[in-house]
């Protein structure tokens, strides 16, 4: 089975950092500072789209300054990488030892993902990765189609694991199985309409599901 993970809010406990950096960028550029719950709703989107949704009426020049201020704030904050959620580090290693293929599909930029993977000593850990600035951003399913093609597997033999409606919509459009984690940016009530096979309250919940699902894939008994 191929397991494709979102990064922020799914593996990495970085939701709070993203929110604080968006708010800091707004202060630095003189724009209204939005409440955390509102900023959380755009996590997972490509940066340009995310900031456009938060500040739809500002000029292109203002949004450009906001983008630069956010990047500066996040790079400075990310000098200390966000911690993994409980159980993620050991869980990822366990998945590798079981022989599963692991990938990342993220709204981060290529530069941003490469930086965090290097800081964590994980540059070569994942079998493949896709970022929003090198393909279509979420919820467009293009990055998932690219990963399925790269590995040569059908959607039913792969699962997308994410914490936002953008992850779930992307996987649904790609005909993929999907698991939603409830400890990230979006609430269970937001995630449920996308009919994930599991609402995981912890990474351990996902790990238990993966063992059962992998056995079904190996036995050729995958259901829709």
N, C-alpha and C. Protein backbone atom coordinates (compact mmCIF):
# COMPACT_ATOMS: atom_id res chain seq x y z
N UNK A 1 0.84 -1.20 0.00
CA UNK A 1 0.00 0.00 0.00
C UNK A 1 0.88 1.25 0.00
N UNK A 2 0.45 2.23 -0.77
CA UNK A 2 1.11 3.53 -0.81
C UNK A 2 0.40 4.46 0.17
N UNK A 3 1.16 5.09 1.06
CA UNK A 3 0.60 6.03 2.03
C UNK A 3 1.12 7.42 1.71
N UNK A 4 0.20 8.33 1.42
CA UNK A 4 0.56 9.71 1.09
C UNK A 4 0.09 10.61 2.23
N UNK A 5 1.02 11.32 2.82
CA UNK A 5 0.72 12.18 3.96
C UNK A 5 0.73 13.65 3.58
N UNK A 6 -0.20 14.38 4.14
CA UNK A 6 -0.05 15.83 4.26
C UNK A 6 1.06 16.06 5.30
N UNK A 7 1.61 17.27 5.34
CA UNK A 7 2.67 17.55 6.31
C UNK A 7 2.15 18.34 7.51
N UNK A 8 1.84 19.64 7.30
CA UNK A 8 1.45 20.50 8.42
C UNK A 8 0.09 20.08 8.97
N UNK A 9 0.05 19.83 10.28
CA UNK A 9 -1.18 19.47 10.93
C UNK A 9 -1.51 17.99 10.88
N UNK A 10 -0.70 17.23 10.14
CA UNK A 10 -0.91 15.78 10.03
C UNK A 10 0.27 15.03 10.63
N UNK A 11 1.47 15.34 10.15
CA UNK A 11 2.69 14.78 10.73
C UNK A 11 3.33 15.78 11.68
N UNK A 12 3.37 17.03 11.25
CA UNK A 12 4.06 18.08 12.00
C UNK A 12 3.08 18.95 12.78
N UNK A 13 3.38 19.18 14.05
CA UNK A 13 2.53 20.00 14.91
C UNK A 13 2.86 21.47 14.67
N UNK A 14 2.54 21.94 13.49
CA UNK A 14 2.96 23.27 13.05
C UNK A 14 1.80 24.23 12.84
N UNK A 15 0.58 23.80 13.14
CA UNK A 15 -0.59 24.65 12.91
C UNK A 15 -0.46 25.99 13.65
N UNK A 16 -0.09 25.94 14.93
CA UNK A 16 0.04 27.16 15.72
C UNK A 16 1.11 28.09 15.16
N UNK A 17 2.21 27.50 14.69
CA UNK A 17 3.29 28.31 14.12
C UNK A 17 2.82 29.04 12.86
N UNK A 18 2.08 28.34 12.01
CA UNK A 18 1.57 28.97 10.79
C UNK A 18 0.64 30.12 11.14
N UNK A 19 -0.26 29.88 12.06
CA UNK A 19 -1.21 30.94 12.47
C UNK A 19 -0.46 32.16 13.01
N UNK A 20 0.50 31.94 13.88
CA UNK A 20 1.25 33.06 14.46
C UNK A 20 2.02 33.83 13.39
N UNK A 21 2.55 33.13 12.41
CA UNK A 21 3.32 33.80 11.36
C UNK A 21 2.42 34.60 10.43
N UNK A 22 1.23 34.10 10.13
CA UNK A 22 0.27 34.87 9.33
C UNK A 22 -0.12 36.14 10.09
N UNK A 23 -0.38 36.00 11.38
CA UNK A 23 -0.76 37.17 12.18
C UNK A 23 0.39 38.17 12.28
N UNK A 24 1.61 37.67 12.43
CA UNK A 24 2.77 38.56 12.49
C UNK A 24 2.96 39.30 11.17
N UNK A 25 2.73 38.60 10.05
CA UNK A 25 2.87 39.23 8.74
C UNK A 25 1.82 40.31 8.55
N UNK A 26 0.62 40.07 9.04
CA UNK A 26 -0.44 41.08 8.94
C UNK A 26 -0.05 42.33 9.73
N UNK A 27 0.46 42.13 10.95
CA UNK A 27 0.89 43.29 11.75
C UNK A 27 1.98 44.08 11.02
N UNK A 28 2.93 43.33 10.44
CA UNK A 28 4.08 43.98 9.80
C UNK A 28 3.66 44.78 8.57
N UNK A 29 2.55 44.42 7.95
CA UNK A 29 2.12 45.11 6.73
C UNK A 29 0.90 45.99 6.96
N UNK A 30 0.48 46.12 8.21
CA UNK A 30 -0.62 47.02 8.53
C UNK A 30 -1.99 46.51 8.15
N UNK A 31 -2.15 45.21 8.02
CA UNK A 31 -3.44 44.63 7.70
C UNK A 31 -4.12 44.12 8.97
N UNK A 32 -5.43 43.94 8.94
CA UNK A 32 -6.12 43.43 10.12
C UNK A 32 -5.57 42.07 10.55
N UNK A 33 -5.39 41.88 11.83
CA UNK A 33 -4.92 40.61 12.37
C UNK A 33 -6.15 39.73 12.60
N UNK A 34 -6.25 38.63 11.87
CA UNK A 34 -7.42 37.77 11.92
C UNK A 34 -7.31 36.78 13.07
N UNK A 35 -8.44 36.35 13.62
CA UNK A 35 -8.41 35.37 14.71
C UNK A 35 -7.85 34.04 14.26
N UNK A 36 -7.29 33.29 15.19
CA UNK A 36 -6.62 32.03 14.88
C UNK A 36 -7.54 31.06 14.16
N UNK A 37 -8.78 30.94 14.58
CA UNK A 37 -9.70 29.97 13.99
C UNK A 37 -9.94 30.27 12.52
N UNK A 38 -9.91 31.55 12.16
CA UNK A 38 -10.10 31.93 10.75
C UNK A 38 -8.86 31.58 9.94
N UNK A 39 -7.68 31.83 10.49
CA UNK A 39 -6.44 31.51 9.78
C UNK A 39 -6.30 30.00 9.59
N UNK A 40 -6.72 29.23 10.57
CA UNK A 40 -6.60 27.77 10.48
C UNK A 40 -7.33 27.21 9.26
N UNK A 41 -8.36 27.89 8.82
CA UNK A 41 -9.16 27.35 7.72
C UNK A 41 -8.42 27.31 6.39
N UNK A 42 -7.37 28.10 6.26
CA UNK A 42 -6.65 28.14 4.97
C UNK A 42 -5.38 27.28 5.00
N UNK A 43 -5.07 26.67 6.13
CA UNK A 43 -3.88 25.82 6.20
C UNK A 43 -4.07 24.61 5.29
N UNK A 44 -3.07 24.35 4.47
CA UNK A 44 -3.16 23.28 3.49
C UNK A 44 -3.18 23.79 2.07
N UNK A 45 -3.64 25.03 1.89
CA UNK A 45 -3.63 25.64 0.57
C UNK A 45 -2.23 26.17 0.24
N UNK A 46 -1.97 26.33 -1.05
CA UNK A 46 -0.74 27.02 -1.46
C UNK A 46 -0.77 28.43 -0.88
N UNK A 47 0.40 28.97 -0.58
CA UNK A 47 0.49 30.25 0.15
C UNK A 47 -0.27 31.37 -0.56
N UNK A 48 -0.08 31.51 -1.85
CA UNK A 48 -0.74 32.59 -2.59
C UNK A 48 -2.26 32.49 -2.47
N UNK A 49 -2.80 31.30 -2.67
CA UNK A 49 -4.24 31.09 -2.56
C UNK A 49 -4.72 31.32 -1.14
N UNK A 50 -3.94 30.85 -0.16
CA UNK A 50 -4.31 31.00 1.25
C UNK A 50 -4.45 32.48 1.62
N UNK A 51 -3.46 33.28 1.26
CA UNK A 51 -3.50 34.69 1.63
C UNK A 51 -4.58 35.44 0.86
N UNK A 52 -4.84 35.01 -0.36
CA UNK A 52 -5.92 35.63 -1.14
C UNK A 52 -7.27 35.38 -0.47
N UNK A 53 -7.47 34.18 0.06
CA UNK A 53 -8.74 33.88 0.74
C UNK A 53 -8.88 34.67 2.04
N UNK A 54 -7.77 34.86 2.74
CA UNK A 54 -7.82 35.61 3.99
C UNK A 54 -8.01 37.10 3.76
N UNK A 55 -7.40 37.63 2.70
CA UNK A 55 -7.45 39.07 2.43
C UNK A 55 -7.83 39.29 0.97
N UNK A 56 -9.08 38.99 0.61
CA UNK A 56 -9.48 39.02 -0.81
C UNK A 56 -9.55 40.41 -1.41
N UNK A 57 -9.63 41.45 -0.61
CA UNK A 57 -9.84 42.79 -1.16
C UNK A 57 -8.56 43.63 -1.24
N UNK A 58 -7.44 43.12 -0.75
CA UNK A 58 -6.22 43.93 -0.77
C UNK A 58 -5.62 43.94 -2.17
N UNK A 59 -4.80 44.92 -2.44
CA UNK A 59 -4.18 45.04 -3.76
C UNK A 59 -3.10 43.98 -3.95
N UNK A 60 -2.70 43.81 -5.18
CA UNK A 60 -1.62 42.86 -5.49
C UNK A 60 -0.35 43.26 -4.76
N UNK A 61 -0.06 44.55 -4.72
CA UNK A 61 1.16 45.01 -4.05
C UNK A 61 1.10 44.71 -2.55
N UNK A 62 -0.07 44.92 -1.93
CA UNK A 62 -0.21 44.63 -0.51
C UNK A 62 -0.06 43.13 -0.23
N UNK A 63 -0.64 42.32 -1.12
CA UNK A 63 -0.54 40.87 -0.91
C UNK A 63 0.89 40.40 -1.12
N UNK A 64 1.61 41.04 -2.03
CA UNK A 64 3.02 40.69 -2.23
C UNK A 64 3.82 40.99 -0.98
N UNK A 65 3.58 42.15 -0.35
CA UNK A 65 4.27 42.49 0.89
C UNK A 65 3.89 41.52 2.01
N UNK A 66 2.62 41.16 2.05
CA UNK A 66 2.16 40.20 3.06
C UNK A 66 2.84 38.85 2.88
N UNK A 67 2.95 38.41 1.64
CA UNK A 67 3.60 37.13 1.36
C UNK A 67 5.05 37.14 1.81
N UNK A 68 5.75 38.21 1.49
CA UNK A 68 7.17 38.32 1.88
C UNK A 68 7.31 38.34 3.40
N UNK A 69 6.41 39.07 4.05
CA UNK A 69 6.47 39.15 5.51
C UNK A 69 6.19 37.79 6.14
N UNK A 70 5.24 37.05 5.56
CA UNK A 70 4.95 35.71 6.09
C UNK A 70 6.15 34.78 5.91
N UNK A 71 6.73 34.78 4.72
CA UNK A 71 7.88 33.91 4.45
C UNK A 71 9.02 34.23 5.42
N UNK A 72 9.30 35.51 5.61
CA UNK A 72 10.36 35.91 6.53
C UNK A 72 10.05 35.42 7.95
N UNK A 73 8.82 35.60 8.38
CA UNK A 73 8.44 35.19 9.74
C UNK A 73 8.52 33.68 9.90
N UNK A 74 8.07 32.96 8.87
CA UNK A 74 8.04 31.50 9.00
C UNK A 74 9.44 30.90 8.94
N UNK A 75 10.28 31.40 8.06
CA UNK A 75 11.65 30.89 7.97
C UNK A 75 12.38 31.11 9.30
N UNK A 76 12.18 32.29 9.90
CA UNK A 76 12.81 32.57 11.19
C UNK A 76 12.27 31.63 12.26
N UNK A 77 10.95 31.44 12.29
CA UNK A 77 10.36 30.56 13.30
C UNK A 77 10.73 29.11 13.09
N UNK A 78 10.90 28.74 11.82
CA UNK A 78 11.16 27.33 11.50
C UNK A 78 12.63 26.96 11.64
N UNK A 79 13.45 27.89 12.12
CA UNK A 79 14.83 27.53 12.43
C UNK A 79 14.84 26.43 13.48
N UNK A 80 13.82 26.43 14.33
CA UNK A 80 13.56 25.32 15.23
C UNK A 80 12.38 24.55 14.66
N UNK A 81 12.62 23.38 14.04
CA UNK A 81 11.53 22.66 13.37
C UNK A 81 10.41 22.31 14.35
N UNK A 82 9.18 22.35 13.85
CA UNK A 82 8.05 21.93 14.66
C UNK A 82 8.18 20.45 15.00
N UNK A 83 7.75 20.09 16.18
CA UNK A 83 7.81 18.69 16.59
C UNK A 83 6.77 17.87 15.84
N UNK A 84 7.06 16.58 15.69
CA UNK A 84 6.05 15.67 15.18
C UNK A 84 4.97 15.48 16.25
N UNK A 85 3.77 15.17 15.80
CA UNK A 85 2.74 14.76 16.74
C UNK A 85 3.16 13.45 17.40
N UNK A 86 2.58 13.19 18.56
CA UNK A 86 2.90 11.98 19.32
C UNK A 86 2.73 10.73 18.46
N UNK A 87 3.76 9.92 18.42
CA UNK A 87 3.69 8.65 17.72
C UNK A 87 4.08 8.69 16.26
N UNK A 88 4.26 9.89 15.69
CA UNK A 88 4.53 10.00 14.25
C UNK A 88 5.89 9.44 13.88
N UNK A 89 6.93 9.84 14.61
CA UNK A 89 8.29 9.43 14.24
C UNK A 89 8.43 7.91 14.26
N UNK A 90 7.99 7.28 15.35
CA UNK A 90 8.07 5.82 15.44
C UNK A 90 7.13 5.17 14.44
N UNK A 91 5.97 5.77 14.22
CA UNK A 91 5.01 5.21 13.28
C UNK A 91 5.53 5.21 11.85
N UNK A 92 6.15 6.30 11.44
CA UNK A 92 6.71 6.36 10.09
C UNK A 92 7.79 5.30 9.89
N UNK A 93 8.63 5.13 10.90
CA UNK A 93 9.68 4.12 10.81
C UNK A 93 9.06 2.73 10.71
N UNK A 94 7.99 2.49 11.46
CA UNK A 94 7.32 1.20 11.42
C UNK A 94 6.72 0.94 10.04
N UNK A 95 6.14 1.95 9.43
CA UNK A 95 5.58 1.80 8.09
C UNK A 95 6.67 1.44 7.09
N UNK A 96 7.81 2.10 7.21
CA UNK A 96 8.94 1.77 6.33
C UNK A 96 9.39 0.33 6.52
N UNK A 97 9.48 -0.11 7.77
CA UNK A 97 9.93 -1.47 8.05
C UNK A 97 8.95 -2.51 7.53
N UNK A 98 7.68 -2.15 7.43
CA UNK A 98 6.67 -3.04 6.88
C UNK A 98 6.71 -3.08 5.36
N UNK A 99 7.54 -2.24 4.76
CA UNK A 99 7.71 -2.24 3.31
C UNK A 99 6.73 -1.37 2.56
N UNK A 100 6.01 -0.49 3.25
CA UNK A 100 5.08 0.40 2.57
C UNK A 100 5.83 1.54 1.90
N UNK A 101 5.31 2.01 0.78
CA UNK A 101 5.84 3.18 0.12
C UNK A 101 5.23 4.42 0.78
N UNK A 102 6.06 5.43 1.06
CA UNK A 102 5.61 6.63 1.77
C UNK A 102 5.89 7.87 0.93
N UNK A 103 4.90 8.76 0.88
CA UNK A 103 5.04 9.99 0.11
C UNK A 103 4.41 11.15 0.88
N UNK A 104 4.71 12.36 0.42
CA UNK A 104 4.15 13.58 1.01
C UNK A 104 3.51 14.39 -0.11
N UNK A 105 2.30 14.89 0.15
CA UNK A 105 1.62 15.82 -0.74
C UNK A 105 1.23 17.03 0.10
N UNK A 106 1.85 18.16 -0.14
CA UNK A 106 1.74 19.28 0.78
C UNK A 106 1.50 20.61 0.07
N UNK A 107 0.85 21.52 0.78
CA UNK A 107 0.70 22.88 0.30
C UNK A 107 1.96 23.71 0.49
N UNK A 108 2.98 23.17 1.14
CA UNK A 108 4.24 23.88 1.31
C UNK A 108 4.93 24.05 -0.04
N UNK A 109 5.83 24.99 -0.12
CA UNK A 109 6.65 25.15 -1.32
C UNK A 109 7.75 24.07 -1.31
N UNK A 110 8.32 23.83 -2.48
CA UNK A 110 9.43 22.87 -2.55
C UNK A 110 10.58 23.32 -1.65
N UNK A 111 10.89 24.60 -1.70
CA UNK A 111 11.97 25.11 -0.85
C UNK A 111 11.67 24.89 0.63
N UNK A 112 10.40 25.13 1.01
CA UNK A 112 10.03 24.98 2.41
C UNK A 112 10.07 23.53 2.88
N UNK A 113 9.55 22.62 2.06
CA UNK A 113 9.57 21.21 2.45
C UNK A 113 11.00 20.69 2.49
N UNK A 114 11.80 21.03 1.50
CA UNK A 114 13.20 20.56 1.50
C UNK A 114 13.94 21.08 2.73
N UNK A 115 13.65 22.32 3.12
CA UNK A 115 14.33 22.90 4.29
C UNK A 115 13.98 22.12 5.56
N UNK A 116 12.67 21.84 5.76
CA UNK A 116 12.28 21.16 6.99
C UNK A 116 12.75 19.72 7.00
N UNK A 117 12.73 19.05 5.85
CA UNK A 117 13.23 17.67 5.80
C UNK A 117 14.73 17.63 6.10
N UNK A 118 15.47 18.60 5.58
CA UNK A 118 16.91 18.65 5.85
C UNK A 118 17.17 18.91 7.33
N UNK A 119 16.40 19.83 7.92
CA UNK A 119 16.58 20.14 9.34
C UNK A 119 16.28 18.93 10.23
N UNK A 120 15.39 18.07 9.75
CA UNK A 120 15.01 16.88 10.52
C UNK A 120 15.87 15.66 10.18
N UNK A 121 16.79 15.81 9.24
CA UNK A 121 17.61 14.68 8.81
C UNK A 121 16.82 13.64 8.05
N UNK A 122 15.78 14.08 7.30
CA UNK A 122 14.88 13.16 6.60
C UNK A 122 14.85 13.40 5.10
N UNK A 123 15.91 13.98 4.56
CA UNK A 123 15.92 14.33 3.14
C UNK A 123 15.59 13.14 2.25
N UNK A 124 16.08 11.97 2.59
CA UNK A 124 15.87 10.78 1.76
C UNK A 124 14.88 9.79 2.37
N UNK A 125 14.11 10.23 3.35
CA UNK A 125 13.23 9.28 4.04
C UNK A 125 12.03 8.87 3.19
N UNK A 126 11.36 9.84 2.57
CA UNK A 126 10.16 9.55 1.80
C UNK A 126 10.52 9.13 0.37
N UNK A 127 9.69 8.25 -0.19
CA UNK A 127 9.96 7.73 -1.52
C UNK A 127 9.68 8.76 -2.61
N UNK A 128 8.79 9.70 -2.34
CA UNK A 128 8.48 10.77 -3.29
C UNK A 128 7.73 11.86 -2.54
N UNK A 129 7.80 13.09 -3.05
CA UNK A 129 7.07 14.22 -2.46
C UNK A 129 6.57 15.12 -3.58
N UNK A 130 5.47 15.81 -3.31
CA UNK A 130 4.95 16.81 -4.24
C UNK A 130 4.56 18.04 -3.43
N UNK A 131 4.87 19.23 -4.00
CA UNK A 131 4.61 20.49 -3.33
C UNK A 131 3.74 21.38 -4.21
N UNK A 132 3.07 22.33 -3.58
CA UNK A 132 2.08 23.13 -4.28
C UNK A 132 2.67 24.00 -5.39
N UNK A 133 3.93 24.40 -5.26
CA UNK A 133 4.49 25.31 -6.26
C UNK A 133 5.11 24.59 -7.45
N UNK A 134 5.04 23.26 -7.49
CA UNK A 134 5.58 22.53 -8.62
C UNK A 134 4.50 21.75 -9.37
N UNK A 135 3.28 21.85 -8.89
CA UNK A 135 2.13 21.20 -9.52
C UNK A 135 0.91 22.02 -9.11
N UNK A 136 -0.29 21.51 -9.31
CA UNK A 136 -1.48 22.25 -8.87
C UNK A 136 -1.64 22.10 -7.36
N UNK A 137 -2.06 23.18 -6.70
CA UNK A 137 -2.27 23.14 -5.26
C UNK A 137 -3.58 22.46 -4.90
N UNK A 138 -3.70 22.10 -3.64
CA UNK A 138 -4.93 21.48 -3.14
C UNK A 138 -6.08 22.49 -3.24
N UNK A 139 -7.31 22.01 -3.49
CA UNK A 139 -7.75 20.62 -3.54
C UNK A 139 -7.71 19.97 -4.91
N UNK A 140 -7.05 20.61 -5.88
CA UNK A 140 -6.87 19.97 -7.19
C UNK A 140 -6.16 18.64 -6.99
N UNK A 141 -6.61 17.55 -7.61
CA UNK A 141 -6.00 16.24 -7.37
C UNK A 141 -4.73 15.96 -8.17
N UNK A 142 -4.23 16.96 -8.88
CA UNK A 142 -3.10 16.71 -9.79
C UNK A 142 -1.90 16.10 -9.07
N UNK A 143 -1.55 16.59 -7.89
CA UNK A 143 -0.36 16.07 -7.22
C UNK A 143 -0.55 14.60 -6.83
N UNK A 144 -1.78 14.21 -6.51
CA UNK A 144 -2.03 12.81 -6.19
C UNK A 144 -1.98 11.95 -7.45
N UNK A 145 -2.54 12.45 -8.54
CA UNK A 145 -2.43 11.71 -9.80
C UNK A 145 -0.97 11.49 -10.19
N UNK A 146 -0.15 12.53 -9.97
CA UNK A 146 1.27 12.41 -10.30
C UNK A 146 1.95 11.35 -9.43
N UNK A 147 1.61 11.32 -8.14
CA UNK A 147 2.22 10.33 -7.25
C UNK A 147 1.74 8.92 -7.58
N UNK A 148 0.46 8.75 -7.87
CA UNK A 148 -0.05 7.43 -8.24
C UNK A 148 0.64 6.95 -9.52
N UNK A 149 0.82 7.84 -10.47
CA UNK A 149 1.50 7.48 -11.71
C UNK A 149 2.96 7.13 -11.45
N UNK A 150 3.62 7.91 -10.59
CA UNK A 150 5.03 7.65 -10.27
C UNK A 150 5.22 6.26 -9.68
N UNK A 151 4.32 5.86 -8.79
CA UNK A 151 4.45 4.56 -8.14
C UNK A 151 3.78 3.44 -8.93
N UNK A 152 2.98 3.81 -9.92
CA UNK A 152 2.31 2.81 -10.72
C UNK A 152 1.25 2.03 -9.97
N UNK A 153 0.50 2.71 -9.10
CA UNK A 153 -0.53 2.04 -8.31
C UNK A 153 -1.88 2.72 -8.54
N UNK A 154 -2.97 1.97 -8.45
CA UNK A 154 -4.30 2.57 -8.57
C UNK A 154 -4.70 3.25 -7.27
N UNK A 155 -5.70 4.11 -7.35
CA UNK A 155 -6.12 4.86 -6.18
C UNK A 155 -6.56 3.98 -5.02
N UNK A 156 -7.18 2.84 -5.32
CA UNK A 156 -7.67 1.98 -4.25
C UNK A 156 -6.56 1.27 -3.50
N UNK A 157 -5.34 1.32 -4.03
CA UNK A 157 -4.19 0.72 -3.34
C UNK A 157 -3.35 1.77 -2.64
N UNK A 158 -3.92 2.97 -2.48
CA UNK A 158 -3.21 4.07 -1.83
C UNK A 158 -4.17 4.79 -0.90
N UNK A 159 -3.61 5.49 0.08
CA UNK A 159 -4.43 6.25 1.01
C UNK A 159 -3.81 7.62 1.22
N UNK A 160 -4.67 8.64 1.26
CA UNK A 160 -4.26 10.00 1.59
C UNK A 160 -4.60 10.25 3.04
N UNK A 161 -3.63 10.71 3.81
CA UNK A 161 -3.83 11.00 5.23
C UNK A 161 -3.65 12.50 5.43
N UNK A 162 -4.70 13.18 5.89
CA UNK A 162 -4.61 14.62 6.05
C UNK A 162 -5.55 15.15 7.11
N UNK A 163 -5.38 16.44 7.41
CA UNK A 163 -6.15 17.07 8.49
C UNK A 163 -7.12 18.13 8.01
N UNK A 164 -7.21 18.35 6.69
CA UNK A 164 -8.07 19.42 6.19
C UNK A 164 -9.05 18.91 5.13
N UNK A 165 -10.06 19.71 4.90
CA UNK A 165 -11.03 19.40 3.85
C UNK A 165 -10.35 19.41 2.48
N UNK A 166 -9.28 20.18 2.33
CA UNK A 166 -8.58 20.22 1.05
C UNK A 166 -7.91 18.87 0.77
N UNK A 167 -7.36 18.24 1.79
CA UNK A 167 -6.78 16.91 1.64
C UNK A 167 -7.85 15.90 1.25
N UNK A 168 -8.99 15.97 1.94
CA UNK A 168 -10.05 15.00 1.69
C UNK A 168 -10.67 15.20 0.31
N UNK A 169 -10.90 16.44 -0.09
CA UNK A 169 -11.48 16.72 -1.40
C UNK A 169 -10.53 16.29 -2.51
N UNK A 170 -9.25 16.52 -2.32
CA UNK A 170 -8.24 16.12 -3.30
C UNK A 170 -8.24 14.61 -3.47
N UNK A 171 -8.24 13.88 -2.37
CA UNK A 171 -8.21 12.42 -2.43
C UNK A 171 -9.50 11.88 -3.03
N UNK A 172 -10.61 12.48 -2.67
CA UNK A 172 -11.90 12.04 -3.21
C UNK A 172 -11.92 12.21 -4.73
N UNK A 173 -11.42 13.34 -5.21
CA UNK A 173 -11.40 13.60 -6.65
C UNK A 173 -10.46 12.66 -7.39
N UNK A 174 -9.41 12.18 -6.69
CA UNK A 174 -8.45 11.27 -7.29
C UNK A 174 -8.89 9.81 -7.19
N UNK A 175 -10.05 9.57 -6.57
CA UNK A 175 -10.51 8.19 -6.40
C UNK A 175 -9.71 7.39 -5.41
N UNK A 176 -9.16 8.09 -4.42
CA UNK A 176 -8.29 7.45 -3.43
C UNK A 176 -9.01 7.22 -2.11
N UNK A 177 -8.52 6.23 -1.37
CA UNK A 177 -8.93 6.06 0.01
C UNK A 177 -8.41 7.25 0.81
N UNK A 178 -9.06 7.52 1.94
CA UNK A 178 -8.66 8.70 2.71
C UNK A 178 -8.90 8.49 4.20
N UNK A 179 -7.96 8.98 4.97
CA UNK A 179 -8.05 8.98 6.42
C UNK A 179 -7.89 10.42 6.88
N UNK A 180 -8.79 10.88 7.72
CA UNK A 180 -8.73 12.24 8.25
C UNK A 180 -8.27 12.21 9.69
N UNK A 181 -7.28 13.02 10.02
CA UNK A 181 -6.86 13.15 11.41
C UNK A 181 -7.58 14.35 12.00
N UNK A 182 -8.01 14.20 13.25
CA UNK A 182 -8.85 15.23 13.87
C UNK A 182 -8.08 16.19 14.76
N UNK A 183 -6.76 16.03 14.84
CA UNK A 183 -5.96 16.84 15.75
C UNK A 183 -5.27 18.01 15.05
N UNK A 184 -5.62 18.25 13.77
CA UNK A 184 -4.97 19.31 13.01
C UNK A 184 -5.81 20.56 12.87
N UNK A 185 -5.88 21.11 11.66
CA UNK A 185 -6.47 22.43 11.45
C UNK A 185 -7.99 22.43 11.37
N UNK A 186 -8.59 21.36 10.79
CA UNK A 186 -10.03 21.35 10.57
C UNK A 186 -10.72 20.37 11.51
N UNK A 187 -11.95 20.68 11.83
CA UNK A 187 -12.70 19.93 12.82
C UNK A 187 -13.28 18.64 12.24
N UNK A 188 -13.62 17.67 13.09
CA UNK A 188 -14.29 16.46 12.61
C UNK A 188 -15.56 16.76 11.83
N UNK A 189 -16.31 17.78 12.25
CA UNK A 189 -17.55 18.12 11.55
C UNK A 189 -17.26 18.57 10.12
N UNK A 190 -16.13 19.23 9.90
CA UNK A 190 -15.76 19.65 8.55
C UNK A 190 -15.28 18.48 7.71
N UNK A 191 -14.63 17.52 8.34
CA UNK A 191 -14.00 16.41 7.62
C UNK A 191 -14.98 15.29 7.28
N UNK A 192 -15.95 15.08 8.13
CA UNK A 192 -16.88 13.95 7.98
C UNK A 192 -17.60 13.90 6.64
N UNK A 193 -18.06 15.02 6.06
CA UNK A 193 -18.78 14.94 4.79
C UNK A 193 -17.99 14.30 3.64
N UNK A 194 -16.67 14.24 3.77
CA UNK A 194 -15.85 13.64 2.71
C UNK A 194 -15.71 12.13 2.86
N UNK A 195 -16.42 11.57 3.82
CA UNK A 195 -16.51 10.13 4.03
C UNK A 195 -15.14 9.44 4.14
N UNK A 196 -14.28 9.93 5.03
CA UNK A 196 -13.01 9.23 5.24
C UNK A 196 -13.27 7.85 5.84
N UNK A 197 -12.38 6.91 5.57
CA UNK A 197 -12.52 5.57 6.13
C UNK A 197 -12.27 5.57 7.64
N UNK A 198 -11.58 6.59 8.10
CA UNK A 198 -11.29 6.70 9.53
C UNK A 198 -11.16 8.16 9.91
N UNK A 199 -11.75 8.54 11.05
CA UNK A 199 -11.44 9.80 11.71
C UNK A 199 -10.48 9.45 12.85
N UNK A 200 -9.21 9.75 12.64
CA UNK A 200 -8.17 9.34 13.59
C UNK A 200 -7.94 10.45 14.61
N UNK A 201 -8.17 10.14 15.87
CA UNK A 201 -7.93 11.10 16.93
C UNK A 201 -6.47 11.14 17.37
N UNK A 202 -5.68 10.20 16.88
CA UNK A 202 -4.25 10.16 17.18
C UNK A 202 -3.55 9.42 16.04
N UNK A 203 -2.23 9.57 15.97
CA UNK A 203 -1.50 8.84 14.94
C UNK A 203 -1.55 7.34 15.21
N UNK A 204 -1.66 6.97 16.47
CA UNK A 204 -1.79 5.55 16.81
C UNK A 204 -3.06 4.96 16.21
N UNK A 205 -4.14 5.74 16.16
CA UNK A 205 -5.37 5.28 15.52
C UNK A 205 -5.12 4.95 14.06
N UNK A 206 -4.40 5.85 13.38
CA UNK A 206 -4.07 5.59 11.97
C UNK A 206 -3.23 4.34 11.82
N UNK A 207 -2.25 4.15 12.69
CA UNK A 207 -1.37 3.00 12.58
C UNK A 207 -2.16 1.69 12.70
N UNK A 208 -3.12 1.64 13.61
CA UNK A 208 -3.95 0.45 13.74
C UNK A 208 -4.76 0.21 12.48
N UNK A 209 -5.32 1.27 11.94
CA UNK A 209 -6.08 1.15 10.68
C UNK A 209 -5.18 0.68 9.55
N UNK A 210 -3.96 1.20 9.48
CA UNK A 210 -3.07 0.87 8.36
C UNK A 210 -2.72 -0.61 8.33
N UNK A 211 -2.58 -1.21 9.50
CA UNK A 211 -2.27 -2.64 9.55
C UNK A 211 -3.41 -3.46 8.97
N UNK A 212 -4.63 -3.11 9.30
CA UNK A 212 -5.79 -3.82 8.76
C UNK A 212 -5.93 -3.56 7.26
N UNK A 213 -5.78 -2.30 6.84
CA UNK A 213 -5.95 -1.95 5.44
C UNK A 213 -4.87 -2.57 4.57
N UNK A 214 -3.63 -2.60 5.08
CA UNK A 214 -2.53 -3.17 4.32
C UNK A 214 -2.75 -4.67 4.11
N UNK A 215 -3.31 -5.33 5.10
CA UNK A 215 -3.58 -6.76 4.97
C UNK A 215 -4.62 -7.01 3.87
N UNK A 216 -5.64 -6.13 3.79
CA UNK A 216 -6.66 -6.27 2.75
C UNK A 216 -6.08 -6.04 1.37
N UNK A 217 -5.22 -5.01 1.24
CA UNK A 217 -4.58 -4.73 -0.04
C UNK A 217 -3.73 -5.92 -0.48
N UNK A 218 -2.93 -6.45 0.45
CA UNK A 218 -2.04 -7.58 0.14
C UNK A 218 -2.86 -8.81 -0.26
N UNK A 219 -4.05 -8.95 0.33
CA UNK A 219 -4.88 -10.10 0.01
C UNK A 219 -5.80 -9.89 -1.17
N UNK A 220 -5.73 -8.71 -1.79
CA UNK A 220 -6.56 -8.43 -2.95
C UNK A 220 -8.03 -8.24 -2.60
N UNK A 221 -8.31 -7.79 -1.38
CA UNK A 221 -9.71 -7.66 -0.94
C UNK A 221 -10.06 -6.22 -0.62
N UNK A 222 -9.50 -5.29 -1.36
CA UNK A 222 -9.78 -3.88 -1.13
C UNK A 222 -11.21 -3.56 -1.54
N UNK A 223 -11.93 -2.86 -0.68
CA UNK A 223 -13.28 -2.42 -1.02
C UNK A 223 -13.28 -0.92 -1.26
N UNK A 224 -14.33 -0.42 -1.93
CA UNK A 224 -14.42 1.02 -2.19
C UNK A 224 -14.69 1.77 -0.90
